Amino acid sequence: MVLAPALAESPMKFWFSDVDAAIERAERVRAESVRDLRESGVTAVGETGESDPMQAIEDALQTFAADRIVLFTHAGEDARQHREDVDEAEMRERFGLPVDHALLD
Protein backbone atom coordinates (compact mmCIF):
# COMPACT_ATOMS: atom_id res chain seq x y z
CA MET A 1 0.00 0.00 0.00
CA VAL A 2 1.44 3.33 -1.06
CA LEU A 3 0.11 6.24 0.96
CA ALA A 4 0.79 9.76 -0.28
CA PRO A 5 -0.39 12.43 2.15
CA ALA A 6 -1.46 15.74 0.61
CA LEU A 7 1.17 17.84 2.41
CA ALA A 8 0.37 21.56 2.29
CA GLU A 9 3.29 23.80 1.34
CA SER A 10 2.69 26.09 4.29
CA PRO A 11 0.49 26.35 7.38
CA MET A 12 -1.20 29.38 5.78
CA LYS A 13 -2.29 27.36 2.75
CA PHE A 14 -3.53 24.57 5.02
CA TRP A 15 -5.58 26.89 7.24
CA PHE A 16 -7.12 28.66 4.26
CA SER A 17 -7.96 25.31 2.64
CA ASP A 18 -5.72 26.11 -0.32
CA VAL A 19 -4.60 22.53 -0.74
CA ASP A 20 -5.36 21.85 -4.40
CA ALA A 21 -1.67 21.83 -5.36
CA ALA A 22 -0.86 19.51 -2.44
CA ILE A 23 -3.60 17.09 -3.49
CA GLU A 24 -2.38 17.14 -7.10
CA ARG A 25 1.20 16.47 -5.99
CA ALA A 26 0.10 13.62 -3.70
CA GLU A 27 -1.97 12.06 -6.49
CA ARG A 28 1.03 12.23 -8.83
CA VAL A 29 3.38 10.70 -6.23
CA ARG A 30 0.88 7.93 -5.50
CA ALA A 31 0.31 7.08 -9.17
CA GLU A 32 4.02 7.14 -10.07
CA SER A 33 4.99 5.06 -7.03
CA VAL A 34 2.35 2.41 -7.67
CA ARG A 35 3.29 2.28 -11.36
CA ASP A 36 7.01 1.92 -10.58
CA LEU A 37 6.35 -0.84 -8.04
CA ARG A 38 4.11 -2.73 -10.45
CA GLU A 39 6.69 -2.43 -13.24
CA SER A 40 9.20 -3.99 -10.81
CA GLY A 41 6.86 -6.93 -10.21
CA VAL A 42 5.45 -5.79 -6.86
CA THR A 43 1.72 -5.98 -6.31
CA ALA A 44 0.82 -2.47 -5.18
CA VAL A 45 -2.18 -0.27 -4.53
CA GLY A 46 -2.23 3.29 -3.31
CA GLU A 47 -4.26 6.10 -1.91
CA THR A 48 -3.94 9.80 -1.27
CA GLY A 49 -4.28 10.73 2.37
CA GLU A 50 -4.92 13.62 4.71
CA SER A 51 -2.36 16.41 4.99
CA ASP A 52 -1.37 15.25 8.48
CA PRO A 53 0.82 12.18 7.85
CA MET A 54 -0.11 10.58 11.19
CA GLN A 55 -3.83 10.93 10.44
CA ALA A 56 -3.28 9.66 6.90
CA ILE A 57 -1.54 6.55 8.26
CA GLU A 58 -4.25 5.97 10.85
CA ASP A 59 -6.93 6.20 8.15
CA ALA A 60 -5.05 3.83 5.82
CA LEU A 61 -4.58 1.26 8.58
CA GLN A 62 -8.37 1.06 8.94
CA THR A 63 -8.53 -0.70 5.57
CA PHE A 64 -5.03 -2.14 5.11
CA ALA A 65 -3.47 -4.57 7.59
CA ALA A 66 0.16 -3.47 7.41
CA ASP A 67 2.95 -5.37 9.13
CA ARG A 68 5.34 -2.38 9.01
CA ILE A 69 5.53 1.25 7.94
CA VAL A 70 8.19 2.34 5.48
CA LEU A 71 8.57 6.10 5.63
CA PHE A 72 10.18 8.00 2.76
CA THR A 73 11.09 11.64 3.39
CA HIS A 74 13.27 14.24 1.71
CA ALA A 75 16.69 15.05 3.14
CA GLY A 76 17.98 18.39 4.45
CA GLU A 77 16.37 21.58 3.19
CA ASP A 78 13.86 19.60 1.11
CA ALA A 79 12.41 18.11 4.31
CA ARG A 80 11.45 21.55 5.59
CA GLN A 81 10.08 22.58 2.19
CA HIS A 82 7.87 19.49 2.09
CA ARG A 83 6.86 19.80 5.78
CA GLU A 84 7.90 16.21 6.56
CA ASP A 85 8.42 16.64 10.28
CA VAL A 86 7.25 13.23 11.50
CA ASP A 87 8.50 11.47 14.61
CA GLU A 88 9.38 7.82 13.99
CA ALA A 89 9.22 6.91 17.69
CA GLU A 90 5.76 8.44 18.00
CA MET A 91 4.70 6.55 14.89
CA ARG A 92 5.93 3.21 16.31
CA GLU A 93 4.20 3.85 19.62
CA ARG A 94 0.92 5.08 18.13
CA PHE A 95 0.52 2.31 15.54
CA GLY A 96 2.39 -0.56 17.18
CA LEU A 97 4.30 -1.34 13.99
CA PRO A 98 8.01 -1.29 13.10
CA VAL A 99 9.01 1.83 11.15
CA ASP A 100 11.76 1.90 8.52
CA HIS A 101 12.88 5.34 7.38
CA ALA A 102 14.55 6.12 4.05
CA LEU A 103 15.77 9.56 2.98
CA LEU A 104 15.26 10.66 -0.62
CA ASP A 105 17.89 12.76 -2.36
PDB file of N, CA and C in Angstrom:
ATOM      1  N   MET A   1       0.845  -1.179   0.000  1.00  0.00           N
ATOM      2  CA  MET A   1       0.000   0.000   0.000  1.00  0.00           C
ATOM      3  C   MET A   1       0.883   1.232   0.000  1.00  0.00           C
ATOM      4  N   VAL A   2       0.736   2.055  -0.988  1.00  0.00           N
ATOM      5  CA  VAL A   2       1.438   3.334  -1.065  1.00  0.00           C
ATOM      6  C   VAL A   2       0.475   4.401  -0.559  1.00  0.00           C
ATOM      7  N   LEU A   3       0.923   5.153   0.414  1.00  0.00           N
ATOM      8  CA  LEU A   3       0.108   6.241   0.955  1.00  0.00           C
ATOM      9  C   LEU A   3       0.835   7.545   0.699  1.00  0.00           C
ATOM     10  N   ALA A   4       0.193   8.455   0.012  1.00  0.00           N
ATOM     11  CA  ALA A   4       0.793   9.756  -0.284  1.00  0.00           C
ATOM     12  C   ALA A   4      -0.061  10.841   0.364  1.00  0.00           C
ATOM     13  N   PRO A   5       0.377  11.358   1.515  1.00  0.00           N
ATOM     14  CA  PRO A   5      -0.388  12.435   2.154  1.00  0.00           C
ATOM     15  C   PRO A   5      -0.320  13.718   1.329  1.00  0.00           C
ATOM     16  N   ALA A   6      -1.386  14.472   1.335  1.00  0.00           N
ATOM     17  CA  ALA A   6      -1.455  15.743   0.611  1.00  0.00           C
ATOM     18  C   ALA A   6      -0.865  16.834   1.494  1.00  0.00           C
ATOM     19  N   LEU A   7       0.461  16.904   1.528  1.00  0.00           N
ATOM     20  CA  LEU A   7       1.170  17.841   2.406  1.00  0.00           C
ATOM     21  C   LEU A   7       1.067  19.260   1.874  1.00  0.00           C
ATOM     22  N   ALA A   8       0.481  20.149   2.672  1.00  0.00           N
ATOM     23  CA  ALA A   8       0.367  21.561   2.286  1.00  0.00           C
ATOM     24  C   ALA A   8       1.745  22.204   2.331  1.00  0.00           C
ATOM     25  N   GLU A   9       1.986  23.136   1.422  1.00  0.00           N
ATOM     26  CA  GLU A   9       3.286  23.800   1.343  1.00  0.00           C
ATOM     27  C   GLU A   9       3.556  24.703   2.534  1.00  0.00           C
ATOM     28  N   SER A  10       2.507  25.192   3.155  1.00  0.00           N
ATOM     29  CA  SER A  10       2.687  26.094   4.290  1.00  0.00           C
ATOM     30  C   SER A  10       1.466  26.001   5.194  1.00  0.00           C
ATOM     31  N   PRO A  11       1.637  26.347   6.477  1.00  0.00           N
ATOM     32  CA  PRO A  11       0.486  26.355   7.384  1.00  0.00           C
ATOM     33  C   PRO A  11      -0.613  27.293   6.894  1.00  0.00           C
ATOM     34  N   MET A  12      -0.219  28.415   6.284  1.00  0.00           N
ATOM     35  CA  MET A  12      -1.200  29.383   5.782  1.00  0.00           C
ATOM     36  C   MET A  12      -2.098  28.742   4.732  1.00  0.00           C
ATOM     37  N   LYS A  13      -1.493  28.024   3.791  1.00  0.00           N
ATOM     38  CA  LYS A  13      -2.291  27.362   2.751  1.00  0.00           C
ATOM     39  C   LYS A  13      -3.210  26.309   3.369  1.00  0.00           C
ATOM     40  N   PHE A  14      -2.704  25.592   4.359  1.00  0.00           N
ATOM     41  CA  PHE A  14      -3.526  24.574   5.023  1.00  0.00           C
ATOM     42  C   PHE A  14      -4.730  25.229   5.705  1.00  0.00           C
ATOM     43  N   TRP A  15      -4.493  26.260   6.472  1.00  0.00           N
ATOM     44  CA  TRP A  15      -5.580  26.888   7.241  1.00  0.00           C
ATOM     45  C   TRP A  15      -6.595  27.579   6.357  1.00  0.00           C
ATOM     46  N   PHE A  16      -6.183  28.032   5.182  1.00  0.00           N
ATOM     47  CA  PHE A  16      -7.125  28.660   4.259  1.00  0.00           C
ATOM     48  C   PHE A  16      -7.653  27.671   3.227  1.00  0.00           C
ATOM     49  N   SER A  17      -7.465  26.395   3.497  1.00  0.00           N
ATOM     50  CA  SER A  17      -7.955  25.311   2.639  1.00  0.00           C
ATOM     51  C   SER A  17      -7.495  25.442   1.194  1.00  0.00           C
ATOM     52  N   ASP A  18      -6.302  25.989   1.009  1.00  0.00           N
ATOM     53  CA  ASP A  18      -5.717  26.114  -0.318  1.00  0.00           C
ATOM     54  C   ASP A  18      -4.792  24.927  -0.535  1.00  0.00           C
ATOM     55  N   VAL A  19      -5.386  23.756  -0.681  1.00  0.00           N
ATOM     56  CA  VAL A  19      -4.603  22.530  -0.739  1.00  0.00           C
ATOM     57  C   VAL A  19      -4.677  21.818  -2.089  1.00  0.00           C
ATOM     58  N   ASP A  20      -5.229  22.490  -3.090  1.00  0.00           N
ATOM     59  CA  ASP A  20      -5.363  21.850  -4.400  1.00  0.00           C
ATOM     60  C   ASP A  20      -4.024  21.379  -4.952  1.00  0.00           C
ATOM     61  N   ALA A  21      -2.996  22.216  -4.849  1.00  0.00           N
ATOM     62  CA  ALA A  21      -1.672  21.832  -5.364  1.00  0.00           C
ATOM     63  C   ALA A  21      -1.121  20.642  -4.581  1.00  0.00           C
ATOM     64  N   ALA A  22      -1.352  20.624  -3.269  1.00  0.00           N
ATOM     65  CA  ALA A  22      -0.865  19.514  -2.436  1.00  0.00           C
ATOM     66  C   ALA A  22      -1.565  18.209  -2.820  1.00  0.00           C
ATOM     67  N   ILE A  23      -2.846  18.283  -3.088  1.00  0.00           N
ATOM     68  CA  ILE A  23      -3.599  17.086  -3.489  1.00  0.00           C
ATOM     69  C   ILE A  23      -3.106  16.595  -4.846  1.00  0.00           C
ATOM     70  N   GLU A  24      -2.903  17.523  -5.789  1.00  0.00           N
ATOM     71  CA  GLU A  24      -2.377  17.138  -7.104  1.00  0.00           C
ATOM     72  C   GLU A  24      -1.025  16.457  -6.994  1.00  0.00           C
ATOM     73  N   ARG A  25      -0.140  17.035  -6.174  1.00  0.00           N
ATOM     74  CA  ARG A  25       1.203  16.468  -5.991  1.00  0.00           C
ATOM     75  C   ARG A  25       1.107  15.076  -5.367  1.00  0.00           C
ATOM     76  N   ALA A  26       0.256  14.920  -4.364  1.00  0.00           N
ATOM     77  CA  ALA A  26       0.102  13.620  -3.703  1.00  0.00           C
ATOM     78  C   ALA A  26      -0.458  12.580  -4.677  1.00  0.00           C
ATOM     79  N   GLU A  27      -1.408  12.978  -5.495  1.00  0.00           N
ATOM     80  CA  GLU A  27      -1.969  12.059  -6.494  1.00  0.00           C
ATOM     81  C   GLU A  27      -0.885  11.611  -7.474  1.00  0.00           C
ATOM     82  N   ARG A  28      -0.042  12.556  -7.888  1.00  0.00           N
ATOM     83  CA  ARG A  28       1.031  12.234  -8.831  1.00  0.00           C
ATOM     84  C   ARG A  28       2.048  11.284  -8.187  1.00  0.00           C
ATOM     85  N   VAL A  29       2.429  11.565  -6.950  1.00  0.00           N
ATOM     86  CA  VAL A  29       3.381  10.700  -6.234  1.00  0.00           C
ATOM     87  C   VAL A  29       2.797   9.303  -6.066  1.00  0.00           C
ATOM     88  N   ARG A  30       1.536   9.229  -5.673  1.00  0.00           N
ATOM     89  CA  ARG A  30       0.882   7.932  -5.496  1.00  0.00           C
ATOM     90  C   ARG A  30       0.873   7.144  -6.798  1.00  0.00           C
ATOM     91  N   ALA A  31       0.413   7.774  -7.872  1.00  0.00           N
ATOM     92  CA  ALA A  31       0.305   7.085  -9.167  1.00  0.00           C
ATOM     93  C   ALA A  31       1.673   6.625  -9.670  1.00  0.00           C
ATOM     94  N   GLU A  32       2.682   7.500  -9.598  1.00  0.00           N
ATOM     95  CA  GLU A  32       4.018   7.138 -10.071  1.00  0.00           C
ATOM     96  C   GLU A  32       4.622   6.026  -9.221  1.00  0.00           C
ATOM     97  N   SER A  33       4.421   6.085  -7.920  1.00  0.00           N
ATOM     98  CA  SER A  33       4.988   5.058  -7.029  1.00  0.00           C
ATOM     99  C   SER A  33       4.354   3.703  -7.282  1.00  0.00           C
ATOM    100  N   VAL A  34       3.043   3.673  -7.407  1.00  0.00           N
ATOM    101  CA  VAL A  34       2.346   2.408  -7.674  1.00  0.00           C
ATOM    102  C   VAL A  34       2.782   1.855  -9.025  1.00  0.00           C
ATOM    103  N   ARG A  35       2.858   2.722 -10.022  1.00  0.00           N
ATOM    104  CA  ARG A  35       3.290   2.284 -11.361  1.00  0.00           C
ATOM    105  C   ARG A  35       4.700   1.696 -11.313  1.00  0.00           C
ATOM    106  N   ASP A  36       5.624   2.401 -10.660  1.00  0.00           N
ATOM    107  CA  ASP A  36       7.007   1.921 -10.582  1.00  0.00           C
ATOM    108  C   ASP A  36       7.094   0.583  -9.853  1.00  0.00           C
ATOM    109  N   LEU A  37       6.347   0.439  -8.780  1.00  0.00           N
ATOM    110  CA  LEU A  37       6.352  -0.837  -8.045  1.00  0.00           C
ATOM    111  C   LEU A  37       5.810  -1.966  -8.912  1.00  0.00           C
ATOM    112  N   ARG A  38       4.708  -1.705  -9.589  1.00  0.00           N
ATOM    113  CA  ARG A  38       4.115  -2.732 -10.451  1.00  0.00           C
ATOM    114  C   ARG A  38       5.063  -3.129 -11.584  1.00  0.00           C
ATOM    115  N   GLU A  39       5.736  -2.144 -12.167  1.00  0.00           N
ATOM    116  CA  GLU A  39       6.694  -2.428 -13.238  1.00  0.00           C
ATOM    117  C   GLU A  39       7.868  -3.262 -12.732  1.00  0.00           C
ATOM    118  N   SER A  40       8.130  -3.191 -11.424  1.00  0.00           N
ATOM    119  CA  SER A  40       9.199  -3.988 -10.807  1.00  0.00           C
ATOM    120  C   SER A  40       8.694  -5.337 -10.318  1.00  0.00           C
ATOM    121  N   GLY A  41       7.423  -5.639 -10.582  1.00  0.00           N
ATOM    122  CA  GLY A  41       6.865  -6.928 -10.208  1.00  0.00           C
ATOM    123  C   GLY A  41       6.235  -6.980  -8.822  1.00  0.00           C
ATOM    124  N   VAL A  42       6.061  -5.832  -8.193  1.00  0.00           N
ATOM    125  CA  VAL A  42       5.455  -5.785  -6.861  1.00  0.00           C
ATOM    126  C   VAL A  42       3.976  -5.481  -7.003  1.00  0.00           C
ATOM    127  N   THR A  43       3.141  -6.271  -6.338  1.00  0.00           N
ATOM    128  CA  THR A  43       1.718  -5.981  -6.311  1.00  0.00           C
ATOM    129  C   THR A  43       1.511  -4.776  -5.405  1.00  0.00           C
ATOM    130  N   ALA A  44       0.948  -3.711  -5.957  1.00  0.00           N
ATOM    131  CA  ALA A  44       0.815  -2.474  -5.177  1.00  0.00           C
ATOM    132  C   ALA A  44      -0.509  -1.780  -5.460  1.00  0.00           C
ATOM    133  N   VAL A  45      -1.028  -1.159  -4.436  1.00  0.00           N
ATOM    134  CA  VAL A  45      -2.181  -0.271  -4.533  1.00  0.00           C
ATOM    135  C   VAL A  45      -1.786   1.014  -3.817  1.00  0.00           C
ATOM    136  N   GLY A  46      -2.572   2.045  -3.977  1.00  0.00           N
ATOM    137  CA  GLY A  46      -2.229   3.291  -3.315  1.00  0.00           C
ATOM    138  C   GLY A  46      -3.437   4.146  -3.048  1.00  0.00           C
ATOM    139  N   GLU A  47      -3.226   5.118  -2.172  1.00  0.00           N
ATOM    140  CA  GLU A  47      -4.262   6.104  -1.909  1.00  0.00           C
ATOM    141  C   GLU A  47      -3.614   7.414  -1.491  1.00  0.00           C
ATOM    142  N   THR A  48      -4.367   8.476  -1.695  1.00  0.00           N
ATOM    143  CA  THR A  48      -3.942   9.803  -1.272  1.00  0.00           C
ATOM    144  C   THR A  48      -4.578  10.057   0.080  1.00  0.00           C
ATOM    145  N   GLY A  49      -3.777  10.568   1.015  1.00  0.00           N
ATOM    146  CA  GLY A  49      -4.276  10.731   2.365  1.00  0.00           C
ATOM    147  C   GLY A  49      -4.362  12.177   2.823  1.00  0.00           C
ATOM    148  N   GLU A  50      -4.807  12.321   4.050  1.00  0.00           N
ATOM    149  CA  GLU A  50      -4.917  13.616   4.709  1.00  0.00           C
ATOM    150  C   GLU A  50      -3.578  14.342   4.717  1.00  0.00           C
ATOM    151  N   SER A  51      -3.600  15.633   4.966  1.00  0.00           N
ATOM    152  CA  SER A  51      -2.364  16.411   4.989  1.00  0.00           C
ATOM    153  C   SER A  51      -1.512  16.105   6.215  1.00  0.00           C
ATOM    154  N   ASP A  52      -2.116  15.658   7.290  1.00  0.00           N
ATOM    155  CA  ASP A  52      -1.366  15.251   8.479  1.00  0.00           C
ATOM    156  C   ASP A  52      -0.940  13.799   8.279  1.00  0.00           C
ATOM    157  N   PRO A  53       0.376  13.544   8.129  1.00  0.00           N
ATOM    158  CA  PRO A  53       0.823  12.179   7.850  1.00  0.00           C
ATOM    159  C   PRO A  53       0.352  11.155   8.885  1.00  0.00           C
ATOM    160  N   MET A  54       0.333  11.531  10.154  1.00  0.00           N
ATOM    161  CA  MET A  54      -0.107  10.583  11.185  1.00  0.00           C
ATOM    162  C   MET A  54      -1.579  10.217  10.996  1.00  0.00           C
ATOM    163  N   GLN A  55      -2.409  11.199  10.682  1.00  0.00           N
ATOM    164  CA  GLN A  55      -3.826  10.930  10.435  1.00  0.00           C
ATOM    165  C   GLN A  55      -4.003  10.106   9.172  1.00  0.00           C
ATOM    166  N   ALA A  56      -3.206  10.412   8.147  1.00  0.00           N
ATOM    167  CA  ALA A  56      -3.283   9.655   6.895  1.00  0.00           C
ATOM    168  C   ALA A  56      -2.945   8.186   7.130  1.00  0.00           C
ATOM    169  N   ILE A  57      -1.918   7.936   7.943  1.00  0.00           N
ATOM    170  CA  ILE A  57      -1.543   6.548   8.256  1.00  0.00           C
ATOM    171  C   ILE A  57      -2.643   5.868   9.053  1.00  0.00           C
ATOM    172  N   GLU A  58      -3.160   6.555  10.042  1.00  0.00           N
ATOM    173  CA  GLU A  58      -4.246   5.970  10.849  1.00  0.00           C
ATOM    174  C   GLU A  58      -5.434   5.597   9.965  1.00  0.00           C
ATOM    175  N   ASP A  59      -5.815   6.491   9.063  1.00  0.00           N
ATOM    176  CA  ASP A  59      -6.932   6.204   8.149  1.00  0.00           C
ATOM    177  C   ASP A  59      -6.626   5.001   7.265  1.00  0.00           C
ATOM    178  N   ALA A  60      -5.420   4.940   6.710  1.00  0.00           N
ATOM    179  CA  ALA A  60      -5.055   3.832   5.816  1.00  0.00           C
ATOM    180  C   ALA A  60      -5.051   2.500   6.552  1.00  0.00           C
ATOM    181  N   LEU A  61      -4.629   2.505   7.808  1.00  0.00           N
ATOM    182  CA  LEU A  61      -4.578   1.263   8.581  1.00  0.00           C
ATOM    183  C   LEU A  61      -5.969   0.727   8.916  1.00  0.00           C
ATOM    184  N   GLN A  62      -6.987   1.536   8.737  1.00  0.00           N
ATOM    185  CA  GLN A  62      -8.365   1.056   8.940  1.00  0.00           C
ATOM    186  C   GLN A  62      -8.780   0.071   7.856  1.00  0.00           C
ATOM    187  N   THR A  63      -8.146   0.168   6.687  1.00  0.00           N
ATOM    188  CA  THR A  63      -8.530  -0.696   5.567  1.00  0.00           C
ATOM    189  C   THR A  63      -7.393  -1.579   5.057  1.00  0.00           C
ATOM    190  N   PHE A  64      -6.181  -1.375   5.579  1.00  0.00           N
ATOM    191  CA  PHE A  64      -5.034  -2.143   5.112  1.00  0.00           C
ATOM    192  C   PHE A  64      -4.256  -2.651   6.319  1.00  0.00           C
ATOM    193  N   ALA A  65      -4.152  -3.959   6.442  1.00  0.00           N
ATOM    194  CA  ALA A  65      -3.466  -4.573   7.585  1.00  0.00           C
ATOM    195  C   ALA A  65      -1.964  -4.628   7.322  1.00  0.00           C
ATOM    196  N   ALA A  66      -1.283  -3.556   7.641  1.00  0.00           N
ATOM    197  CA  ALA A  66       0.159  -3.474   7.407  1.00  0.00           C
ATOM    198  C   ALA A  66       0.927  -4.226   8.484  1.00  0.00           C
ATOM    199  N   ASP A  67       2.100  -4.741   8.118  1.00  0.00           N
ATOM    200  CA  ASP A  67       2.953  -5.373   9.132  1.00  0.00           C
ATOM    201  C   ASP A  67       4.152  -4.490   9.462  1.00  0.00           C
ATOM    202  N   ARG A  68       4.294  -3.370   8.719  1.00  0.00           N
ATOM    203  CA  ARG A  68       5.337  -2.376   9.008  1.00  0.00           C
ATOM    204  C   ARG A  68       5.021  -1.114   8.226  1.00  0.00           C
ATOM    205  N   ILE A  69       5.652  -0.035   8.636  1.00  0.00           N
ATOM    206  CA  ILE A  69       5.531   1.248   7.937  1.00  0.00           C
ATOM    207  C   ILE A  69       6.910   1.581   7.376  1.00  0.00           C
ATOM    208  N   VAL A  70       6.950   1.891   6.101  1.00  0.00           N
ATOM    209  CA  VAL A  70       8.186   2.344   5.479  1.00  0.00           C
ATOM    210  C   VAL A  70       7.958   3.804   5.120  1.00  0.00           C
ATOM    211  N   LEU A  71       8.726   4.659   5.750  1.00  0.00           N
ATOM    212  CA  LEU A  71       8.568   6.101   5.632  1.00  0.00           C
ATOM    213  C   LEU A  71       9.654   6.659   4.716  1.00  0.00           C
ATOM    214  N   PHE A  72       9.254   7.346   3.667  1.00  0.00           N
ATOM    215  CA  PHE A  72      10.183   8.003   2.756  1.00  0.00           C
ATOM    216  C   PHE A  72      10.026   9.501   2.939  1.00  0.00           C
ATOM    217  N   THR A  73      11.128  10.182   3.258  1.00  0.00           N
ATOM    218  CA  THR A  73      11.094  11.636   3.388  1.00  0.00           C
ATOM    219  C   THR A  73      12.279  12.229   2.639  1.00  0.00           C
ATOM    220  N   HIS A  74      12.185  13.521   2.368  1.00  0.00           N
ATOM    221  CA  HIS A  74      13.274  14.236   1.708  1.00  0.00           C
ATOM    222  C   HIS A  74      14.346  14.586   2.730  1.00  0.00           C
ATOM    223  N   ALA A  75      15.564  14.723   2.262  1.00  0.00           N
ATOM    224  CA  ALA A  75      16.690  15.050   3.137  1.00  0.00           C
ATOM    225  C   ALA A  75      16.910  16.557   3.204  1.00  0.00           C
ATOM    226  N   GLY A  76      17.525  17.006   4.294  1.00  0.00           N
ATOM    227  CA  GLY A  76      17.980  18.386   4.451  1.00  0.00           C
ATOM    228  C   GLY A  76      16.918  19.439   4.250  1.00  0.00           C
ATOM    229  N   GLU A  77      17.256  20.438   3.438  1.00  0.00           N
ATOM    230  CA  GLU A  77      16.371  21.584   3.192  1.00  0.00           C
ATOM    231  C   GLU A  77      15.049  21.146   2.567  1.00  0.00           C
ATOM    232  N   ASP A  78      15.093  20.100   1.735  1.00  0.00           N
ATOM    233  CA  ASP A  78      13.863  19.603   1.110  1.00  0.00           C
ATOM    234  C   ASP A  78      12.857  19.122   2.144  1.00  0.00           C
ATOM    235  N   ALA A  79      13.321  18.595   3.262  1.00  0.00           N
ATOM    236  CA  ALA A  79      12.408  18.110   4.306  1.00  0.00           C
ATOM    237  C   ALA A  79      11.569  19.259   4.849  1.00  0.00           C
ATOM    238  N   ARG A  80      12.199  20.404   5.077  1.00  0.00           N
ATOM    239  CA  ARG A  80      11.450  21.555   5.586  1.00  0.00           C
ATOM    240  C   ARG A  80      10.490  22.078   4.527  1.00  0.00           C
ATOM    241  N   GLN A  81      10.925  22.095   3.283  1.00  0.00           N
ATOM    242  CA  GLN A  81      10.082  22.576   2.191  1.00  0.00           C
ATOM    243  C   GLN A  81       8.840  21.703   2.048  1.00  0.00           C
ATOM    244  N   HIS A  82       8.997  20.406   2.253  1.00  0.00           N
ATOM    245  CA  HIS A  82       7.874  19.487   2.094  1.00  0.00           C
ATOM    246  C   HIS A  82       7.118  19.246   3.400  1.00  0.00           C
ATOM    247  N   ARG A  83       7.536  19.888   4.490  1.00  0.00           N
ATOM    248  CA  ARG A  83       6.859  19.797   5.783  1.00  0.00           C
ATOM    249  C   ARG A  83       6.757  18.340   6.249  1.00  0.00           C
ATOM    250  N   GLU A  84       7.863  17.627   6.207  1.00  0.00           N
ATOM    251  CA  GLU A  84       7.900  16.210   6.558  1.00  0.00           C
ATOM    252  C   GLU A  84       8.461  16.002   7.961  1.00  0.00           C
ATOM    253  N   ASP A  85       7.926  16.708   8.913  1.00  0.00           N
ATOM    254  CA  ASP A  85       8.420  16.643  10.280  1.00  0.00           C
ATOM    255  C   ASP A  85       7.640  15.586  11.082  1.00  0.00           C
ATOM    256  N   VAL A  86       7.922  14.324  10.801  1.00  0.00           N
ATOM    257  CA  VAL A  86       7.254  13.226  11.501  1.00  0.00           C
ATOM    258  C   VAL A  86       8.227  12.588  12.475  1.00  0.00           C
ATOM    259  N   ASP A  87       7.699  12.071  13.553  1.00  0.00           N
ATOM    260  CA  ASP A  87       8.502  11.466  14.611  1.00  0.00           C
ATOM    261  C   ASP A  87       8.345   9.950  14.525  1.00  0.00           C
ATOM    262  N   GLU A  88       9.429   9.281  14.156  1.00  0.00           N
ATOM    263  CA  GLU A  88       9.377   7.820  13.987  1.00  0.00           C
ATOM    264  C   GLU A  88       8.988   7.107  15.278  1.00  0.00           C
ATOM    265  N   ALA A  89       9.532   7.545  16.405  1.00  0.00           N
ATOM    266  CA  ALA A  89       9.225   6.905  17.691  1.00  0.00           C
ATOM    267  C   ALA A  89       7.739   7.045  18.010  1.00  0.00           C
ATOM    268  N   GLU A  90       7.195   8.228  17.766  1.00  0.00           N
ATOM    269  CA  GLU A  90       5.759   8.437  17.999  1.00  0.00           C
ATOM    270  C   GLU A  90       4.926   7.539  17.084  1.00  0.00           C
ATOM    271  N   MET A  91       5.397   7.390  15.855  1.00  0.00           N
ATOM    272  CA  MET A  91       4.697   6.550  14.890  1.00  0.00           C
ATOM    273  C   MET A  91       4.692   5.084  15.352  1.00  0.00           C
ATOM    274  N   ARG A  92       5.849   4.588  15.809  1.00  0.00           N
ATOM    275  CA  ARG A  92       5.929   3.207  16.307  1.00  0.00           C
ATOM    276  C   ARG A  92       4.994   3.012  17.495  1.00  0.00           C
ATOM    277  N   GLU A  93       5.018   3.967  18.419  1.00  0.00           N
ATOM    278  CA  GLU A  93       4.200   3.854  19.623  1.00  0.00           C
ATOM    279  C   GLU A  93       2.709   3.927  19.293  1.00  0.00           C
ATOM    280  N   ARG A  94       2.342   4.864  18.445  1.00  0.00           N
ATOM    281  CA  ARG A  94       0.925   5.077  18.126  1.00  0.00           C
ATOM    282  C   ARG A  94       0.318   3.913  17.355  1.00  0.00           C
ATOM    283  N   PHE A  95       1.092   3.341  16.405  1.00  0.00           N
ATOM    284  CA  PHE A  95       0.515   2.313  15.536  1.00  0.00           C
ATOM    285  C   PHE A  95       0.967   0.901  15.876  1.00  0.00           C
ATOM    286  N   GLY A  96       1.940   0.758  16.766  1.00  0.00           N
ATOM    287  CA  GLY A  96       2.389  -0.565  17.178  1.00  0.00           C
ATOM    288  C   GLY A  96       3.028  -1.366  16.059  1.00  0.00           C
ATOM    289  N   LEU A  97       3.668  -0.678  15.132  1.00  0.00           N
ATOM    290  CA  LEU A  97       4.303  -1.339  13.991  1.00  0.00           C
ATOM    291  C   LEU A  97       5.756  -0.888  13.890  1.00  0.00           C
ATOM    292  N   PRO A  98       6.637  -1.748  13.366  1.00  0.00           N
ATOM    293  CA  PRO A  98       8.005  -1.294  13.105  1.00  0.00           C
ATOM    294  C   PRO A  98       7.986  -0.209  12.022  1.00  0.00           C
ATOM    295  N   VAL A  99       8.915   0.744  12.122  1.00  0.00           N
ATOM    296  CA  VAL A  99       9.010   1.829  11.151  1.00  0.00           C
ATOM    297  C   VAL A  99      10.420   1.843  10.564  1.00  0.00           C
ATOM    298  N   ASP A 100      10.499   1.743   9.251  1.00  0.00           N
ATOM    299  CA  ASP A 100      11.760   1.898   8.523  1.00  0.00           C
ATOM    300  C   ASP A 100      11.718   3.268   7.873  1.00  0.00           C
ATOM    301  N   HIS A 101      12.843   3.980   7.910  1.00  0.00           N
ATOM    302  CA  HIS A 101      12.881   5.341   7.382  1.00  0.00           C
ATOM    303  C   HIS A 101      13.977   5.459   6.325  1.00  0.00           C
ATOM    304  N   ALA A 102      13.598   5.909   5.143  1.00  0.00           N
ATOM    305  CA  ALA A 102      14.553   6.123   4.050  1.00  0.00           C
ATOM    306  C   ALA A 102      14.511   7.579   3.640  1.00  0.00           C
ATOM    307  N   LEU A 103      15.686   8.176   3.431  1.00  0.00           N
ATOM    308  CA  LEU A 103      15.769   9.565   2.980  1.00  0.00           C
ATOM    309  C   LEU A 103      15.931   9.603   1.462  1.00  0.00           C
ATOM    310  N   LEU A 104      15.170  10.463   0.827  1.00  0.00           N
ATOM    311  CA  LEU A 104      15.257  10.664  -0.624  1.00  0.00           C
ATOM    312  C   LEU A 104      16.225  11.791  -0.902  1.00  0.00           C
ATOM    313  N   ASP A 105      16.965  11.681  -1.963  1.00  0.00           N
ATOM    314  CA  ASP A 105      17.889  12.755  -2.360  1.00  0.00           C
ATOM    315  C   ASP A 105      17.155  13.854  -3.064  1.00  0.00           C
TER     316      ASP A 105
END
